[in-house]
Amino acid sequence: MRLFLSSYRFGAHYDRLAGLIGTPGRVAVIPNACDAWPAVWKGAVTSDLTPLRRLGFRPEVLDLREYVGRTEELERTLRGFPLLWVRGGNTFVLRAQFARSAADLVIGKLLSEDALAYAGYSAGACLLTPDLHGIEQVDDPAEVRPACGIEPQWDGLGLVDHRIVPHVNSPDTDPDGGCDRLAARYRAEGVPHWALTDDDAVVVDGDRIDILLSRP
């Protein structure tokens, strides 16, 4: 299994993502964490496509809403991509869209086969943790039903064994400090977690897990 999980895009560690995938090629960009925000959806997608193209990738948007009830087609489509790029937004909305499309099952299967690599930042990283309890401090679960038509799910995909707190000490992406407070809560409760600044990342390559921090 190959995972690149960050707080914000590549952080300061694009070299480690490149090491997981080799030469840049096709990448499926999954933008569904933004589905509760239709006014900014297109701009949010473009903001990810542009830096990927600059690095030589060929990004293609893969909207999970188009694959509800089409699990086999989703798997066939994803097998054509060496890399998934799952952007930030609302973690609960993203989790719901993974469930509705069965992407949670399909992507878990493909990762276990090492058929592709997964790069996710912010919500796209938090999704892979054991559960989402605590994330409600920074992402609103009430956005799920209007956007997805189902109730919020509180389980993560469980592909890593720590929760992830993005945007720690990152005033540009978390100006009110909500993620700092969440990390403090996890510390106080003894919850295993990785607190990531926007420069940091977690890299999983087979049995090896590297926590790449910009601070001691």
C-alpha atoms as a PDB file:
ATOM      1  CA  MET A   1       0.000   0.000   0.000  1.00  0.00           C
ATOM      2  CA  ARG A   2       1.306   3.425  -0.965  1.00  0.00           C
ATOM      3  CA  LEU A   3      -0.116   6.530   0.723  1.00  0.00           C
ATOM      4  CA  PHE A   4       0.903  10.179   0.767  1.00  0.00           C
ATOM      5  CA  LEU A   5      -1.160  11.997   3.387  1.00  0.00           C
ATOM      6  CA  SER A   6      -0.625  15.685   4.018  1.00  0.00           C
ATOM      7  CA  SER A   7      -2.162  18.753   5.536  1.00  0.00           C
ATOM      8  CA  TYR A   8      -2.045  20.848   2.376  1.00  0.00           C
ATOM      9  CA  ARG A   9      -1.258  19.482  -1.075  1.00  0.00           C
ATOM     10  CA  PHE A  10       2.395  18.399  -1.343  1.00  0.00           C
ATOM     11  CA  GLY A  11       3.517  20.118   1.847  1.00  0.00           C
ATOM     12  CA  ALA A  12       7.307  20.369   1.782  1.00  0.00           C
ATOM     13  CA  HIS A  13       7.712  16.797   0.584  1.00  0.00           C
ATOM     14  CA  TYR A  14       6.817  16.472  -3.095  1.00  0.00           C
ATOM     15  CA  ASP A  15       9.973  14.404  -3.483  1.00  0.00           C
ATOM     16  CA  ARG A  16       8.455  11.678  -1.327  1.00  0.00           C
ATOM     17  CA  LEU A  17       5.285  11.559  -3.406  1.00  0.00           C
ATOM     18  CA  ALA A  18       7.409  11.338  -6.536  1.00  0.00           C
ATOM     19  CA  GLY A  19       9.303   8.457  -4.950  1.00  0.00           C
ATOM     20  CA  LEU A  20       6.060   6.534  -4.517  1.00  0.00           C
ATOM     21  CA  ILE A  21       4.892   6.883  -8.116  1.00  0.00           C
ATOM     22  CA  GLY A  22       7.907   7.461 -10.352  1.00  0.00           C
ATOM     23  CA  THR A  23       7.315   9.495 -13.496  1.00  0.00           C
ATOM     24  CA  PRO A  24       4.215  11.750 -13.302  1.00  0.00           C
ATOM     25  CA  GLY A  25       1.324  10.483 -15.415  1.00  0.00           C
ATOM     26  CA  ARG A  26      -2.445  10.247 -15.244  1.00  0.00           C
ATOM     27  CA  VAL A  27      -4.004  11.151 -11.912  1.00  0.00           C
ATOM     28  CA  ALA A  28      -7.658  10.897 -10.880  1.00  0.00           C
ATOM     29  CA  VAL A  29      -8.634  14.008  -8.920  1.00  0.00           C
ATOM     30  CA  ILE A  30     -11.492  13.316  -6.488  1.00  0.00           C
ATOM     31  CA  PRO A  31     -13.027  16.652  -5.424  1.00  0.00           C
ATOM     32  CA  ASN A  32     -16.077  15.440  -3.507  1.00  0.00           C
ATOM     33  CA  ALA A  33     -15.083  16.905  -0.162  1.00  0.00           C
ATOM     34  CA  CYS A  34     -16.344  20.177  -1.689  1.00  0.00           C
ATOM     35  CA  ASP A  35     -19.781  18.884  -2.693  1.00  0.00           C
ATOM     36  CA  ALA A  36     -21.559  20.917  -0.008  1.00  0.00           C
ATOM     37  CA  TRP A  37     -20.173  24.121  -1.519  1.00  0.00           C
ATOM     38  CA  PRO A  38     -21.403  24.330  -5.134  1.00  0.00           C
ATOM     39  CA  ALA A  39     -20.485  28.004  -5.452  1.00  0.00           C
ATOM     40  CA  VAL A  40     -16.782  27.245  -4.984  1.00  0.00           C
ATOM     41  CA  TRP A  41     -16.622  23.676  -6.335  1.00  0.00           C
ATOM     42  CA  LYS A  42     -15.277  24.502  -9.780  1.00  0.00           C
ATOM     43  CA  GLY A  43     -12.687  26.947  -8.475  1.00  0.00           C
ATOM     44  CA  ALA A  44     -11.531  24.490  -5.840  1.00  0.00           C
ATOM     45  CA  VAL A  45     -11.017  21.815  -8.482  1.00  0.00           C
ATOM     46  CA  THR A  46      -9.087  24.181 -10.742  1.00  0.00           C
ATOM     47  CA  SER A  47      -6.852  25.175  -7.849  1.00  0.00           C
ATOM     48  CA  ASP A  48      -5.672  21.553  -7.657  1.00  0.00           C
ATOM     49  CA  LEU A  49      -5.467  20.811 -11.372  1.00  0.00           C
ATOM     50  CA  THR A  50      -3.102  23.705 -12.065  1.00  0.00           C
ATOM     51  CA  PRO A  51      -0.224  22.695  -9.726  1.00  0.00           C
ATOM     52  CA  LEU A  52      -0.539  19.073 -10.789  1.00  0.00           C
ATOM     53  CA  ARG A  53      -0.195  20.032 -14.458  1.00  0.00           C
ATOM     54  CA  ARG A  54       2.825  22.201 -13.675  1.00  0.00           C
ATOM     55  CA  LEU A  55       4.545  19.142 -12.261  1.00  0.00           C
ATOM     56  CA  GLY A  56       3.873  17.104 -15.387  1.00  0.00           C
ATOM     57  CA  PHE A  57       0.775  15.188 -14.287  1.00  0.00           C
ATOM     58  CA  ARG A  58      -2.262  14.659 -16.477  1.00  0.00           C
ATOM     59  CA  PRO A  59      -5.123  15.206 -14.019  1.00  0.00           C
ATOM     60  CA  GLU A  60      -8.677  14.105 -14.744  1.00  0.00           C
ATOM     61  CA  VAL A  61     -11.621  14.913 -12.467  1.00  0.00           C
ATOM     62  CA  LEU A  62     -13.385  11.836 -11.127  1.00  0.00           C
ATOM     63  CA  ASP A  63     -16.679  12.854  -9.510  1.00  0.00           C
ATOM     64  CA  LEU A  64     -17.900  10.036  -7.262  1.00  0.00           C
ATOM     65  CA  ARG A  65     -21.493  11.247  -7.613  1.00  0.00           C
ATOM     66  CA  GLU A  66     -21.431   9.870 -11.145  1.00  0.00           C
ATOM     67  CA  TYR A  67     -20.649   6.357  -9.896  1.00  0.00           C
ATOM     68  CA  VAL A  68     -23.413   5.780  -7.344  1.00  0.00           C
ATOM     69  CA  GLY A  69     -24.755   2.299  -8.114  1.00  0.00           C
ATOM     70  CA  ARG A  70     -21.955   1.687 -10.650  1.00  0.00           C
ATOM     71  CA  THR A  71     -19.355  -0.018  -8.496  1.00  0.00           C
ATOM     72  CA  GLU A  72     -17.858  -2.216 -11.195  1.00  0.00           C
ATOM     73  CA  GLU A  73     -17.476   0.725 -13.549  1.00  0.00           C
ATOM     74  CA  LEU A  74     -15.802   2.727 -10.797  1.00  0.00           C
ATOM     75  CA  GLU A  75     -13.284  -0.051 -10.252  1.00  0.00           C
ATOM     76  CA  ARG A  76     -12.557  -0.356 -13.978  1.00  0.00           C
ATOM     77  CA  THR A  77     -12.056   3.390 -14.228  1.00  0.00           C
ATOM     78  CA  LEU A  78      -9.779   3.632 -11.214  1.00  0.00           C
ATOM     79  CA  ARG A  79      -7.607   0.787 -12.475  1.00  0.00           C
ATOM     80  CA  GLY A  80      -6.604   3.075 -15.318  1.00  0.00           C
ATOM     81  CA  PHE A  81      -4.922   5.545 -12.962  1.00  0.00           C
ATOM     82  CA  PRO A  82      -1.590   5.044 -11.197  1.00  0.00           C
ATOM     83  CA  LEU A  83      -2.442   7.794  -8.687  1.00  0.00           C
ATOM     84  CA  LEU A  84      -5.480   9.176  -6.867  1.00  0.00           C
ATOM     85  CA  TRP A  85      -5.494  12.762  -5.641  1.00  0.00           C
ATOM     86  CA  VAL A  86      -8.169  13.375  -2.992  1.00  0.00           C
ATOM     87  CA  ARG A  87      -8.476  17.012  -2.055  1.00  0.00           C
ATOM     88  CA  GLY A  88      -9.595  18.737   1.131  1.00  0.00           C
ATOM     89  CA  GLY A  89     -12.959  20.094   2.133  1.00  0.00           C
ATOM     90  CA  ASN A  90     -15.528  18.593   4.494  1.00  0.00           C
ATOM     91  CA  THR A  91     -14.333  15.204   5.745  1.00  0.00           C
ATOM     92  CA  PHE A  92     -17.861  14.017   6.547  1.00  0.00           C
ATOM     93  CA  VAL A  93     -19.145  14.885   3.064  1.00  0.00           C
ATOM     94  CA  LEU A  94     -16.192  13.078   1.505  1.00  0.00           C
ATOM     95  CA  ARG A  95     -16.824  10.016   3.681  1.00  0.00           C
ATOM     96  CA  ALA A  96     -20.476   9.977   2.652  1.00  0.00           C
ATOM     97  CA  GLN A  97     -19.638  10.157  -1.054  1.00  0.00           C
ATOM     98  CA  PHE A  98     -17.136   7.337  -0.672  1.00  0.00           C
ATOM     99  CA  ALA A  99     -19.886   5.251   0.927  1.00  0.00           C
ATOM    100  CA  ARG A 100     -22.564   6.127  -1.646  1.00  0.00           C
ATOM    101  CA  SER A 101     -20.304   5.188  -4.564  1.00  0.00           C
ATOM    102  CA  ALA A 102     -18.642   2.227  -2.807  1.00  0.00           C
ATOM    103  CA  ALA A 103     -15.310   3.992  -3.373  1.00  0.00           C
ATOM    104  CA  ASP A 104     -14.422   3.068   0.204  1.00  0.00           C
ATOM    105  CA  LEU A 105     -14.529  -0.621  -0.744  1.00  0.00           C
ATOM    106  CA  VAL A 106     -13.085  -0.266  -4.243  1.00  0.00           C
ATOM    107  CA  ILE A 107     -10.165   1.958  -3.272  1.00  0.00           C
ATOM    108  CA  GLY A 108      -9.350  -0.187  -0.267  1.00  0.00           C
ATOM    109  CA  LYS A 109      -9.200  -3.201  -2.559  1.00  0.00           C
ATOM    110  CA  LEU A 110      -6.985  -1.471  -5.123  1.00  0.00           C
ATOM    111  CA  LEU A 111      -4.615  -0.191  -2.458  1.00  0.00           C
ATOM    112  CA  SER A 112      -4.284  -3.659  -0.978  1.00  0.00           C
ATOM    113  CA  GLU A 113      -3.336  -4.929  -4.441  1.00  0.00           C
ATOM    114  CA  ASP A 114      -0.895  -2.015  -4.874  1.00  0.00           C
ATOM    115  CA  ALA A 115      -2.755  -1.244  -8.103  1.00  0.00           C
ATOM    116  CA  LEU A 116      -2.410   2.500  -7.470  1.00  0.00           C
ATOM    117  CA  ALA A 117      -1.116   5.057  -4.985  1.00  0.00           C
ATOM    118  CA  TYR A 118      -3.256   7.414  -2.915  1.00  0.00           C
ATOM    119  CA  ALA A 119      -2.423  11.048  -2.226  1.00  0.00           C
ATOM    120  CA  GLY A 120      -4.833  12.923   0.001  1.00  0.00           C
ATOM    121  CA  TYR A 121      -4.635  16.185   1.871  1.00  0.00           C
ATOM    122  CA  SER A 122      -6.707  17.616   4.718  1.00  0.00           C
ATOM    123  CA  ALA A 123     -10.097  15.837   4.412  1.00  0.00           C
ATOM    124  CA  GLY A 124      -8.529  13.459   1.897  1.00  0.00           C
ATOM    125  CA  ALA A 125      -6.017  12.418   4.561  1.00  0.00           C
ATOM    126  CA  CYS A 126      -8.414  12.387   7.539  1.00  0.00           C
ATOM    127  CA  LEU A 127     -10.679   9.999   5.620  1.00  0.00           C
ATOM    128  CA  LEU A 128      -8.158   7.157   5.927  1.00  0.00           C
ATOM    129  CA  THR A 129      -7.999   7.226   9.741  1.00  0.00           C
ATOM    130  CA  PRO A 130      -9.777   4.857  12.163  1.00  0.00           C
ATOM    131  CA  ASP A 131     -12.700   7.202  12.842  1.00  0.00           C
ATOM    132  CA  LEU A 132     -13.802  10.806  12.488  1.00  0.00           C
ATOM    133  CA  HIS A 133     -14.742  11.613  16.079  1.00  0.00           C
ATOM    134  CA  GLY A 134     -13.383  15.041  16.916  1.00  0.00           C
ATOM    135  CA  ILE A 135     -13.346  16.274  13.319  1.00  0.00           C
ATOM    136  CA  GLU A 136     -16.785  17.802  13.961  1.00  0.00           C
ATOM    137  CA  GLN A 137     -14.885  20.617  15.718  1.00  0.00           C
ATOM    138  CA  VAL A 138     -13.599  21.787  12.335  1.00  0.00           C
ATOM    139  CA  ASP A 139     -15.933  20.171   9.732  1.00  0.00           C
ATOM    140  CA  ASP A 140     -19.728  20.357   9.979  1.00  0.00           C
ATOM    141  CA  PRO A 141     -21.493  16.957   9.831  1.00  0.00           C
ATOM    142  CA  ALA A 142     -24.778  18.790   9.174  1.00  0.00           C
ATOM    143  CA  GLU A 143     -23.597  19.508   5.621  1.00  0.00           C
ATOM    144  CA  VAL A 144     -23.817  15.801   4.743  1.00  0.00           C
ATOM    145  CA  ARG A 145     -27.563  15.286   4.414  1.00  0.00           C
ATOM    146  CA  PRO A 146     -28.216  18.296   2.107  1.00  0.00           C
ATOM    147  CA  ALA A 147     -25.218  17.412  -0.075  1.00  0.00           C
ATOM    148  CA  CYS A 148     -25.404  13.610  -0.066  1.00  0.00           C
ATOM    149  CA  GLY A 149     -28.897  12.613   1.027  1.00  0.00           C
ATOM    150  CA  ILE A 150     -27.671  10.309   3.806  1.00  0.00           C
ATOM    151  CA  GLU A 151     -26.692  10.670   7.449  1.00  0.00           C
ATOM    152  CA  PRO A 152     -23.055  11.311   8.411  1.00  0.00           C
ATOM    153  CA  GLN A 153     -20.801   8.319   8.970  1.00  0.00           C
ATOM    154  CA  TRP A 154     -18.285   8.451  11.789  1.00  0.00           C
ATOM    155  CA  ASP A 155     -15.986   5.633  10.742  1.00  0.00           C
ATOM    156  CA  GLY A 156     -12.919   6.303   8.659  1.00  0.00           C
ATOM    157  CA  LEU A 157     -11.462   3.851   6.167  1.00  0.00           C
ATOM    158  CA  GLY A 158      -9.022   2.572   8.793  1.00  0.00           C
ATOM    159  CA  LEU A 159      -6.021   2.384   6.481  1.00  0.00           C
ATOM    160  CA  VAL A 160      -3.786   4.095   9.044  1.00  0.00           C
ATOM    161  CA  ASP A 161      -3.950   3.608  12.806  1.00  0.00           C
ATOM    162  CA  HIS A 162      -3.745   7.247  13.938  1.00  0.00           C
ATOM    163  CA  ARG A 163      -6.174  10.090  13.491  1.00  0.00           C
ATOM    164  CA  ILE A 164      -4.842  13.044  11.517  1.00  0.00           C
ATOM    165  CA  VAL A 165      -5.167  16.705  12.460  1.00  0.00           C
ATOM    166  CA  PRO A 166      -4.264  18.938   9.490  1.00  0.00           C
ATOM    167  CA  HIS A 167      -3.436  22.651   9.438  1.00  0.00           C
ATOM    168  CA  VAL A 168      -1.814  22.746  12.889  1.00  0.00           C
ATOM    169  CA  ASN A 169      -0.008  26.046  13.427  1.00  0.00           C
ATOM    170  CA  SER A 170      -1.075  27.027   9.910  1.00  0.00           C
ATOM    171  CA  PRO A 171      -2.835  30.403  10.041  1.00  0.00           C
ATOM    172  CA  ASP A 172      -3.319  30.654   6.285  1.00  0.00           C
ATOM    173  CA  THR A 173      -5.521  27.544   6.111  1.00  0.00           C
ATOM    174  CA  ASP A 174      -6.866  27.528   9.686  1.00  0.00           C
ATOM    175  CA  PRO A 175      -7.080  31.175  10.742  1.00  0.00           C
ATOM    176  CA  ASP A 176      -9.253  30.566  13.811  1.00  0.00           C
ATOM    177  CA  GLY A 177      -7.010  27.828  15.214  1.00  0.00           C
ATOM    178  CA  GLY A 178      -9.667  25.113  15.291  1.00  0.00           C
ATOM    179  CA  CYS A 179      -7.186  22.420  14.315  1.00  0.00           C
ATOM    180  CA  ASP A 180      -4.775  23.484  17.065  1.00  0.00           C
ATOM    181  CA  ARG A 181      -7.609  23.077  19.559  1.00  0.00           C
ATOM    182  CA  LEU A 182      -8.483  19.656  18.146  1.00  0.00           C
ATOM    183  CA  ALA A 183      -4.875  18.496  18.465  1.00  0.00           C
ATOM    184  CA  ALA A 184      -4.842  19.744  22.054  1.00  0.00           C
ATOM    185  CA  ARG A 185      -8.039  17.790  22.757  1.00  0.00           C
ATOM    186  CA  TYR A 186      -6.549  14.590  21.337  1.00  0.00           C
ATOM    187  CA  ARG A 187      -3.404  15.078  23.424  1.00  0.00           C
ATOM    188  CA  ALA A 188      -5.449  15.610  26.574  1.00  0.00           C
ATOM    189  CA  GLU A 189      -7.572  12.513  25.877  1.00  0.00           C
ATOM    190  CA  GLY A 190      -4.586  10.349  24.933  1.00  0.00           C
ATOM    191  CA  VAL A 191      -5.917   9.749  21.404  1.00  0.00           C
ATOM    192  CA  PRO A 192      -3.185   8.530  19.014  1.00  0.00           C
ATOM    193  CA  HIS A 193      -2.910  11.132  16.265  1.00  0.00           C
ATOM    194  CA  TRP A 194      -0.564  12.901  13.904  1.00  0.00           C
ATOM    195  CA  ALA A 195      -0.724  16.698  14.104  1.00  0.00           C
ATOM    196  CA  LEU A 196       0.467  18.099  10.781  1.00  0.00           C
ATOM    197  CA  THR A 197       1.403  21.610   9.749  1.00  0.00           C
ATOM    198  CA  ASP A 198       0.898  22.523   6.109  1.00  0.00           C
ATOM    199  CA  ASP A 199       4.519  21.489   5.470  1.00  0.00           C
ATOM    200  CA  ASP A 200       4.134  18.002   6.962  1.00  0.00           C
ATOM    201  CA  ALA A 201       3.144  14.626   5.562  1.00  0.00           C
ATOM    202  CA  VAL A 202       2.734  10.958   6.409  1.00  0.00           C
ATOM    203  CA  VAL A 203       4.124   8.510   3.858  1.00  0.00           C
ATOM    204  CA  VAL A 204       3.197   4.832   3.837  1.00  0.00           C
ATOM    205  CA  ASP A 205       5.153   2.546   1.521  1.00  0.00           C
ATOM    206  CA  GLY A 206       4.367  -1.074   2.202  1.00  0.00           C
ATOM    207  CA  ASP A 207       5.175  -1.776   5.849  1.00  0.00           C
ATOM    208  CA  ARG A 208       7.144   1.442   6.255  1.00  0.00           C
ATOM    209  CA  ILE A 209       5.513   4.568   7.726  1.00  0.00           C
ATOM    210  CA  ASP A 210       7.429   7.851   7.737  1.00  0.00           C
ATOM    211  CA  ILE A 211       6.109  10.869   9.657  1.00  0.00           C
ATOM    212  CA  LEU A 212       7.664  13.896   7.985  1.00  0.00           C
ATOM    213  CA  LEU A 213       7.475  16.858  10.344  1.00  0.00           C
ATOM    214  CA  SER A 214       8.811  20.357   9.922  1.00  0.00           C
ATOM    215  CA  ARG A 215       9.408  20.737  13.669  1.00  0.00           C
ATOM    216  CA  PRO A 216      11.122  18.664  16.381  1.00  0.00           C
END
